[in-house]
């Protein structure tokens, strides 16, 4: 069943378009009938939800990075798009954002990764962000036994409370989607809607349970041990 859409789920400009189209008074929590929201607005809703989920995911990752540093396990930093001058002043260049995080991990060497939030079983990399895949590929190609580097996508599925660690980028670089999971052939009723009800096609890590605060010295997404267990893929 599709979750009910409220006006507050939309971006401000989309809210105005819906109000104008509806011709009636709508409050922030007003449910929107399916016929009221056209395909363009539905896509805007999905994009806005992904953005919110992505911000949540990145915040938890940054909390984990602070704990990693305090424990002497890694030093990781957020990376941002370059600034360009526009009519309204200096802004971040659109479509030029690098991969989200980079740094050094004890025992693994240099690391670069990009964080994504994606609920569907099939992952499509945004065409305008294809340069991120190219960066990850080029970083992987620099790895040697004397100077190891790791580069990957960390794709969170919020409903299942898990993330996929995708280091083999060959399909995505060929502009093809990848299947993160498929339904288990004989899943039980208890497994329905849970991570245990699927066959996962990429290494996964599970989100730590409960509301984790940075002072608690616990990492929500502890990806370092999972990455250390993975064999580094060959880059053609």
C-alpha atoms as a PDB file:
ATOM      1  CA  UNK A   1       0.000   0.000   0.000  1.00  0.00           C
ATOM      2  CA  UNK A   2       1.338   3.439  -0.966  1.00  0.00           C
ATOM      3  CA  UNK A   3       1.915   5.788   1.955  1.00  0.00           C
ATOM      4  CA  UNK A   4      -0.463   8.742   2.053  1.00  0.00           C
ATOM      5  CA  UNK A   5       1.114  11.917   0.737  1.00  0.00           C
ATOM      6  CA  UNK A   6       0.712  15.144   2.670  1.00  0.00           C
ATOM      7  CA  UNK A   7       1.267  18.641   1.358  1.00  0.00           C
ATOM      8  CA  UNK A   8       4.264  19.064   3.683  1.00  0.00           C
ATOM      9  CA  UNK A   9       6.065  16.277   1.786  1.00  0.00           C
ATOM     10  CA  UNK A  10       6.449  18.588  -1.191  1.00  0.00           C
ATOM     11  CA  UNK A  11       9.010  21.285  -1.823  1.00  0.00           C
ATOM     12  CA  UNK A  12       7.648  24.849  -1.334  1.00  0.00           C
ATOM     13  CA  UNK A  13       7.278  25.519  -5.076  1.00  0.00           C
ATOM     14  CA  UNK A  14       5.489  22.191  -5.564  1.00  0.00           C
ATOM     15  CA  UNK A  15       3.131  23.022  -2.685  1.00  0.00           C
ATOM     16  CA  UNK A  16       2.090  26.202  -4.447  1.00  0.00           C
ATOM     17  CA  UNK A  17       1.437  24.333  -7.694  1.00  0.00           C
ATOM     18  CA  UNK A  18      -0.740  21.788  -5.879  1.00  0.00           C
ATOM     19  CA  UNK A  19      -2.717  24.531  -4.087  1.00  0.00           C
ATOM     20  CA  UNK A  20      -3.278  26.321  -7.381  1.00  0.00           C
ATOM     21  CA  UNK A  21      -4.349  23.131  -9.103  1.00  0.00           C
ATOM     22  CA  UNK A  22      -6.649  22.054  -6.291  1.00  0.00           C
ATOM     23  CA  UNK A  23      -8.522  25.335  -6.067  1.00  0.00           C
ATOM     24  CA  UNK A  24      -9.305  24.652  -2.397  1.00  0.00           C
ATOM     25  CA  UNK A  25      -7.677  25.469   0.926  1.00  0.00           C
ATOM     26  CA  UNK A  26      -5.043  22.888   1.870  1.00  0.00           C
ATOM     27  CA  UNK A  27      -3.107  22.765   5.127  1.00  0.00           C
ATOM     28  CA  UNK A  28       0.388  21.260   5.604  1.00  0.00           C
ATOM     29  CA  UNK A  29      -1.056  17.923   6.758  1.00  0.00           C
ATOM     30  CA  UNK A  30      -3.789  17.717   4.122  1.00  0.00           C
ATOM     31  CA  UNK A  31      -3.715  14.353   2.314  1.00  0.00           C
ATOM     32  CA  UNK A  32      -3.427  14.614  -1.463  1.00  0.00           C
ATOM     33  CA  UNK A  33      -5.690  12.504  -3.641  1.00  0.00           C
ATOM     34  CA  UNK A  34      -3.893  10.453  -6.316  1.00  0.00           C
ATOM     35  CA  UNK A  35      -5.552  12.387  -9.130  1.00  0.00           C
ATOM     36  CA  UNK A  36      -4.343  15.662  -7.671  1.00  0.00           C
ATOM     37  CA  UNK A  37      -0.664  14.900  -7.999  1.00  0.00           C
ATOM     38  CA  UNK A  38       0.661  14.483 -11.524  1.00  0.00           C
ATOM     39  CA  UNK A  39       3.756  12.486 -12.468  1.00  0.00           C
ATOM     40  CA  UNK A  40       6.059  15.480 -12.157  1.00  0.00           C
ATOM     41  CA  UNK A  41       4.908  16.191  -8.613  1.00  0.00           C
ATOM     42  CA  UNK A  42       5.101  12.509  -7.653  1.00  0.00           C
ATOM     43  CA  UNK A  43       8.722  12.476  -8.809  1.00  0.00           C
ATOM     44  CA  UNK A  44       9.347  15.633  -6.786  1.00  0.00           C
ATOM     45  CA  UNK A  45       7.940  13.904  -3.697  1.00  0.00           C
ATOM     46  CA  UNK A  46      10.193  10.884  -4.197  1.00  0.00           C
ATOM     47  CA  UNK A  47      13.228  13.097  -4.733  1.00  0.00           C
ATOM     48  CA  UNK A  48      12.470  15.099  -1.589  1.00  0.00           C
ATOM     49  CA  UNK A  49      12.075  11.936   0.485  1.00  0.00           C
ATOM     50  CA  UNK A  50      15.389  10.583  -0.823  1.00  0.00           C
ATOM     51  CA  UNK A  51      17.049  13.880   0.068  1.00  0.00           C
ATOM     52  CA  UNK A  52      15.699  13.762   3.620  1.00  0.00           C
ATOM     53  CA  UNK A  53      16.730  10.121   4.032  1.00  0.00           C
ATOM     54  CA  UNK A  54      20.164  10.906   2.592  1.00  0.00           C
ATOM     55  CA  UNK A  55      20.681  13.733   5.062  1.00  0.00           C
ATOM     56  CA  UNK A  56      19.718  11.406   7.916  1.00  0.00           C
ATOM     57  CA  UNK A  57      22.153   8.761   6.667  1.00  0.00           C
ATOM     58  CA  UNK A  58      25.059  11.169   6.203  1.00  0.00           C
ATOM     59  CA  UNK A  59      24.545  12.677   9.669  1.00  0.00           C
ATOM     60  CA  UNK A  60      24.790   9.242  11.285  1.00  0.00           C
ATOM     61  CA  UNK A  61      27.880   8.465   9.233  1.00  0.00           C
ATOM     62  CA  UNK A  62      29.553  11.676  10.370  1.00  0.00           C
ATOM     63  CA  UNK A  63      28.786  10.792  13.994  1.00  0.00           C
ATOM     64  CA  UNK A  64      30.486   7.470  13.371  1.00  0.00           C
ATOM     65  CA  UNK A  65      33.494   9.197  11.825  1.00  0.00           C
ATOM     66  CA  UNK A  66      33.942  11.272  14.984  1.00  0.00           C
ATOM     67  CA  UNK A  67      33.904   8.085  17.068  1.00  0.00           C
ATOM     68  CA  UNK A  68      36.356   6.384  14.705  1.00  0.00           C
ATOM     69  CA  UNK A  69      38.753   9.308  15.159  1.00  0.00           C
ATOM     70  CA  UNK A  70      38.386   9.335  18.946  1.00  0.00           C
ATOM     71  CA  UNK A  71      39.150   5.601  18.973  1.00  0.00           C
ATOM     72  CA  UNK A  72      42.166   6.005  16.698  1.00  0.00           C
ATOM     73  CA  UNK A  73      40.594   3.896  13.959  1.00  0.00           C
ATOM     74  CA  UNK A  74      40.243   6.455  11.148  1.00  0.00           C
ATOM     75  CA  UNK A  75      40.296  10.114  10.174  1.00  0.00           C
ATOM     76  CA  UNK A  76      37.544  10.903   7.657  1.00  0.00           C
ATOM     77  CA  UNK A  77      36.263  14.194   6.275  1.00  0.00           C
ATOM     78  CA  UNK A  78      33.226  15.372   4.320  1.00  0.00           C
ATOM     79  CA  UNK A  79      33.873  16.697   0.819  1.00  0.00           C
ATOM     80  CA  UNK A  80      31.755  19.368  -0.869  1.00  0.00           C
ATOM     81  CA  UNK A  81      31.257  20.716  -4.371  1.00  0.00           C
ATOM     82  CA  UNK A  82      33.497  23.619  -5.470  1.00  0.00           C
ATOM     83  CA  UNK A  83      32.180  27.156  -5.154  1.00  0.00           C
ATOM     84  CA  UNK A  84      31.304  29.144  -8.266  1.00  0.00           C
ATOM     85  CA  UNK A  85      30.172  32.729  -8.680  1.00  0.00           C
ATOM     86  CA  UNK A  86      26.580  33.253  -9.814  1.00  0.00           C
ATOM     87  CA  UNK A  87      24.156  36.155 -10.121  1.00  0.00           C
ATOM     88  CA  UNK A  88      23.181  35.732  -6.474  1.00  0.00           C
ATOM     89  CA  UNK A  89      26.743  35.308  -5.198  1.00  0.00           C
ATOM     90  CA  UNK A  90      28.999  32.353  -4.477  1.00  0.00           C
ATOM     91  CA  UNK A  91      27.214  28.990  -4.542  1.00  0.00           C
ATOM     92  CA  UNK A  92      28.161  25.329  -4.738  1.00  0.00           C
ATOM     93  CA  UNK A  93      28.493  24.182  -8.349  1.00  0.00           C
ATOM     94  CA  UNK A  94      25.450  22.167  -9.406  1.00  0.00           C
ATOM     95  CA  UNK A  95      26.131  18.596 -10.535  1.00  0.00           C
ATOM     96  CA  UNK A  96      29.800  18.804  -9.540  1.00  0.00           C
ATOM     97  CA  UNK A  97      29.634  17.297  -6.053  1.00  0.00           C
ATOM     98  CA  UNK A  98      32.528  14.891  -5.376  1.00  0.00           C
ATOM     99  CA  UNK A  99      32.109  11.661  -3.457  1.00  0.00           C
ATOM    100  CA  UNK A 100      30.913  12.419   0.069  1.00  0.00           C
ATOM    101  CA  UNK A 101      33.781  11.256   2.286  1.00  0.00           C
ATOM    102  CA  UNK A 102      37.489  10.513   2.166  1.00  0.00           C
ATOM    103  CA  UNK A 103      40.314   9.879   4.601  1.00  0.00           C
ATOM    104  CA  UNK A 104      42.568   7.233   6.064  1.00  0.00           C
ATOM    105  CA  UNK A 105      41.570   4.044   7.885  1.00  0.00           C
ATOM    106  CA  UNK A 106      43.996   2.174  10.107  1.00  0.00           C
ATOM    107  CA  UNK A 107      45.036  -1.070   8.451  1.00  0.00           C
ATOM    108  CA  UNK A 108      43.240  -0.293   5.172  1.00  0.00           C
ATOM    109  CA  UNK A 109      44.930   2.845   3.879  1.00  0.00           C
ATOM    110  CA  UNK A 110      43.211   5.618   1.954  1.00  0.00           C
ATOM    111  CA  UNK A 111      39.445   5.450   1.570  1.00  0.00           C
ATOM    112  CA  UNK A 112      36.963   7.355  -0.609  1.00  0.00           C
ATOM    113  CA  UNK A 113      33.257   6.608  -0.588  1.00  0.00           C
ATOM    114  CA  UNK A 114      29.900   8.039  -1.516  1.00  0.00           C
ATOM    115  CA  UNK A 115      26.791   7.575   0.627  1.00  0.00           C
ATOM    116  CA  UNK A 116      23.386   6.987  -0.927  1.00  0.00           C
ATOM    117  CA  UNK A 117      19.929   6.386   0.515  1.00  0.00           C
ATOM    118  CA  UNK A 118      17.856   4.062  -1.656  1.00  0.00           C
ATOM    119  CA  UNK A 119      14.840   1.951  -0.683  1.00  0.00           C
ATOM    120  CA  UNK A 120      14.203   0.071  -3.944  1.00  0.00           C
ATOM    121  CA  UNK A 121      15.684  -3.366  -4.586  1.00  0.00           C
ATOM    122  CA  UNK A 122      17.253  -2.147  -7.831  1.00  0.00           C
ATOM    123  CA  UNK A 123      19.723   0.735  -7.631  1.00  0.00           C
ATOM    124  CA  UNK A 124      20.078   3.292 -10.428  1.00  0.00           C
ATOM    125  CA  UNK A 125      22.908   5.814 -10.186  1.00  0.00           C
ATOM    126  CA  UNK A 126      21.791   9.318 -11.119  1.00  0.00           C
ATOM    127  CA  UNK A 127      23.177  10.204 -14.596  1.00  0.00           C
ATOM    128  CA  UNK A 128      24.184  13.694 -13.438  1.00  0.00           C
ATOM    129  CA  UNK A 129      26.302  12.080 -10.714  1.00  0.00           C
ATOM    130  CA  UNK A 130      28.107   9.640 -12.991  1.00  0.00           C
ATOM    131  CA  UNK A 131      31.359  11.530 -12.358  1.00  0.00           C
ATOM    132  CA  UNK A 132      31.285  10.131  -8.815  1.00  0.00           C
ATOM    133  CA  UNK A 133      31.529   6.591 -10.168  1.00  0.00           C
ATOM    134  CA  UNK A 134      34.437   7.629 -12.362  1.00  0.00           C
ATOM    135  CA  UNK A 135      36.216   9.085  -9.344  1.00  0.00           C
ATOM    136  CA  UNK A 136      35.713   5.873  -7.363  1.00  0.00           C
ATOM    137  CA  UNK A 137      36.999   3.821 -10.319  1.00  0.00           C
ATOM    138  CA  UNK A 138      40.092   6.003 -10.683  1.00  0.00           C
ATOM    139  CA  UNK A 139      40.839   5.786  -6.952  1.00  0.00           C
ATOM    140  CA  UNK A 140      40.544   1.995  -7.070  1.00  0.00           C
ATOM    141  CA  UNK A 141      43.026   1.926  -9.959  1.00  0.00           C
ATOM    142  CA  UNK A 142      45.645   3.685  -7.803  1.00  0.00           C
ATOM    143  CA  UNK A 143      45.730   0.933  -5.200  1.00  0.00           C
ATOM    144  CA  UNK A 144      48.959  -1.012  -4.738  1.00  0.00           C
ATOM    145  CA  UNK A 145      50.217  -3.325  -2.014  1.00  0.00           C
ATOM    146  CA  UNK A 146      52.561  -0.581  -0.842  1.00  0.00           C
ATOM    147  CA  UNK A 147      49.900   2.139  -0.963  1.00  0.00           C
ATOM    148  CA  UNK A 148      46.415   0.581  -0.658  1.00  0.00           C
ATOM    149  CA  UNK A 149      43.263   2.544  -1.487  1.00  0.00           C
ATOM    150  CA  UNK A 150      39.605   1.539  -1.206  1.00  0.00           C
ATOM    151  CA  UNK A 151      36.684   3.227  -2.955  1.00  0.00           C
ATOM    152  CA  UNK A 152      33.024   2.222  -2.768  1.00  0.00           C
ATOM    153  CA  UNK A 153      29.352   3.163  -2.556  1.00  0.00           C
ATOM    154  CA  UNK A 154      27.552   2.758   0.771  1.00  0.00           C
ATOM    155  CA  UNK A 155      23.839   2.458  -0.054  1.00  0.00           C
ATOM    156  CA  UNK A 156      21.432   2.566   2.881  1.00  0.00           C
ATOM    157  CA  UNK A 157      17.979   1.010   2.822  1.00  0.00           C
ATOM    158  CA  UNK A 158      16.227   2.795   5.680  1.00  0.00           C
ATOM    159  CA  UNK A 159      13.142   0.506   5.871  1.00  0.00           C
ATOM    160  CA  UNK A 160      15.366  -2.578   6.339  1.00  0.00           C
ATOM    161  CA  UNK A 161      17.909  -0.832   8.616  1.00  0.00           C
ATOM    162  CA  UNK A 162      20.828  -2.060   6.555  1.00  0.00           C
ATOM    163  CA  UNK A 163      23.328  -0.745   4.033  1.00  0.00           C
ATOM    164  CA  UNK A 164      25.007  -2.315   1.019  1.00  0.00           C
ATOM    165  CA  UNK A 165      28.742  -1.905   0.540  1.00  0.00           C
ATOM    166  CA  UNK A 166      29.250  -1.843  -3.239  1.00  0.00           C
ATOM    167  CA  UNK A 167      32.872  -1.938  -4.363  1.00  0.00           C
ATOM    168  CA  UNK A 168      32.348  -3.657  -7.726  1.00  0.00           C
ATOM    169  CA  UNK A 169      31.241  -0.731  -9.896  1.00  0.00           C
ATOM    170  CA  UNK A 170      31.502  -2.393 -13.319  1.00  0.00           C
ATOM    171  CA  UNK A 171      27.748  -2.598 -13.992  1.00  0.00           C
ATOM    172  CA  UNK A 172      27.070   0.956 -12.837  1.00  0.00           C
ATOM    173  CA  UNK A 173      29.983   2.291 -14.889  1.00  0.00           C
ATOM    174  CA  UNK A 174      28.371   0.614 -17.908  1.00  0.00           C
ATOM    175  CA  UNK A 175      25.202   2.634 -17.172  1.00  0.00           C
ATOM    176  CA  UNK A 176      23.337  -0.446 -16.013  1.00  0.00           C
ATOM    177  CA  UNK A 177      21.365  -0.730 -12.742  1.00  0.00           C
ATOM    178  CA  UNK A 178      22.333  -3.272 -10.121  1.00  0.00           C
ATOM    179  CA  UNK A 179      20.053  -5.585  -8.152  1.00  0.00           C
ATOM    180  CA  UNK A 180      20.717  -5.174  -4.452  1.00  0.00           C
ATOM    181  CA  UNK A 181      18.363  -7.914  -3.286  1.00  0.00           C
ATOM    182  CA  UNK A 182      15.684 -10.349  -4.407  1.00  0.00           C
ATOM    183  CA  UNK A 183      12.838 -11.918  -2.454  1.00  0.00           C
ATOM    184  CA  UNK A 184      13.752 -15.181  -0.735  1.00  0.00           C
ATOM    185  CA  UNK A 185      11.881 -18.032  -2.503  1.00  0.00           C
ATOM    186  CA  UNK A 186      10.442 -19.531   0.693  1.00  0.00           C
ATOM    187  CA  UNK A 187      10.328 -16.777   3.268  1.00  0.00           C
ATOM    188  CA  UNK A 188       8.249 -17.132   6.391  1.00  0.00           C
ATOM    189  CA  UNK A 189       5.494 -14.784   7.471  1.00  0.00           C
ATOM    190  CA  UNK A 190       7.793 -13.415  10.187  1.00  0.00           C
ATOM    191  CA  UNK A 191      10.435 -12.586   7.564  1.00  0.00           C
ATOM    192  CA  UNK A 192       8.050 -10.591   5.381  1.00  0.00           C
ATOM    193  CA  UNK A 193       9.197  -6.961   5.159  1.00  0.00           C
ATOM    194  CA  UNK A 194      12.455  -7.642   7.022  1.00  0.00           C
ATOM    195  CA  UNK A 195      16.052  -7.978   5.856  1.00  0.00           C
ATOM    196  CA  UNK A 196      15.837 -11.733   6.519  1.00  0.00           C
ATOM    197  CA  UNK A 197      13.155 -12.052   3.847  1.00  0.00           C
ATOM    198  CA  UNK A 198      15.581 -11.255   1.021  1.00  0.00           C
ATOM    199  CA  UNK A 199      18.633 -12.674  -0.690  1.00  0.00           C
ATOM    200  CA  UNK A 200      21.235  -9.893  -0.666  1.00  0.00           C
ATOM    201  CA  UNK A 201      23.594  -9.680  -3.634  1.00  0.00           C
ATOM    202  CA  UNK A 202      26.159  -7.324  -2.110  1.00  0.00           C
ATOM    203  CA  UNK A 203      27.870  -7.281   1.294  1.00  0.00           C
ATOM    204  CA  UNK A 204      25.637  -5.698   3.921  1.00  0.00           C
ATOM    205  CA  UNK A 205      25.992  -4.139   7.335  1.00  0.00           C
ATOM    206  CA  UNK A 206      23.205  -3.623   9.827  1.00  0.00           C
ATOM    207  CA  UNK A 207      22.399  -0.359  11.543  1.00  0.00           C
ATOM    208  CA  UNK A 208      22.966  -0.445  15.287  1.00  0.00           C
ATOM    209  CA  UNK A 209      19.659  -0.609  17.139  1.00  0.00           C
ATOM    210  CA  UNK A 210      18.266   2.249  19.165  1.00  0.00           C
ATOM    211  CA  UNK A 211      18.935   5.953  19.177  1.00  0.00           C
ATOM    212  CA  UNK A 212      22.704   6.284  19.236  1.00  0.00           C
ATOM    213  CA  UNK A 213      24.362   9.447  20.531  1.00  0.00           C
ATOM    214  CA  UNK A 214      27.935  10.364  19.718  1.00  0.00           C
ATOM    215  CA  UNK A 215      28.846  10.364  23.435  1.00  0.00           C
ATOM    216  CA  UNK A 216      27.840   6.712  23.768  1.00  0.00           C
ATOM    217  CA  UNK A 217      30.955   5.591  21.918  1.00  0.00           C
ATOM    218  CA  UNK A 218      28.941   3.367  19.572  1.00  0.00           C
ATOM    219  CA  UNK A 219      28.993   3.608  15.787  1.00  0.00           C
ATOM    220  CA  UNK A 220      25.603   3.416  14.070  1.00  0.00           C
ATOM    221  CA  UNK A 221      27.038   2.254  10.731  1.00  0.00           C
ATOM    222  CA  UNK A 222      30.266   0.393  11.547  1.00  0.00           C
ATOM    223  CA  UNK A 223      31.487  -0.224   8.001  1.00  0.00           C
ATOM    224  CA  UNK A 224      35.236  -0.561   8.690  1.00  0.00           C
ATOM    225  CA  UNK A 225      35.152  -4.240   9.837  1.00  0.00           C
ATOM    226  CA  UNK A 226      32.900  -5.144   6.901  1.00  0.00           C
ATOM    227  CA  UNK A 227      35.237  -3.483   4.412  1.00  0.00           C
ATOM    228  CA  UNK A 228      38.259  -5.181   5.984  1.00  0.00           C
ATOM    229  CA  UNK A 229      36.600  -8.586   5.442  1.00  0.00           C
ATOM    230  CA  UNK A 230      36.019  -7.934   1.739  1.00  0.00           C
ATOM    231  CA  UNK A 231      38.521  -8.827  -0.968  1.00  0.00           C
ATOM    232  CA  UNK A 232      39.428  -5.786  -3.029  1.00  0.00           C
ATOM    233  CA  UNK A 233      37.965  -6.086  -6.560  1.00  0.00           C
ATOM    234  CA  UNK A 234      40.140  -5.992  -9.616  1.00  0.00           C
ATOM    235  CA  UNK A 235      39.859  -2.885 -11.752  1.00  0.00           C
ATOM    236  CA  UNK A 236      39.975  -3.466 -15.502  1.00  0.00           C
END
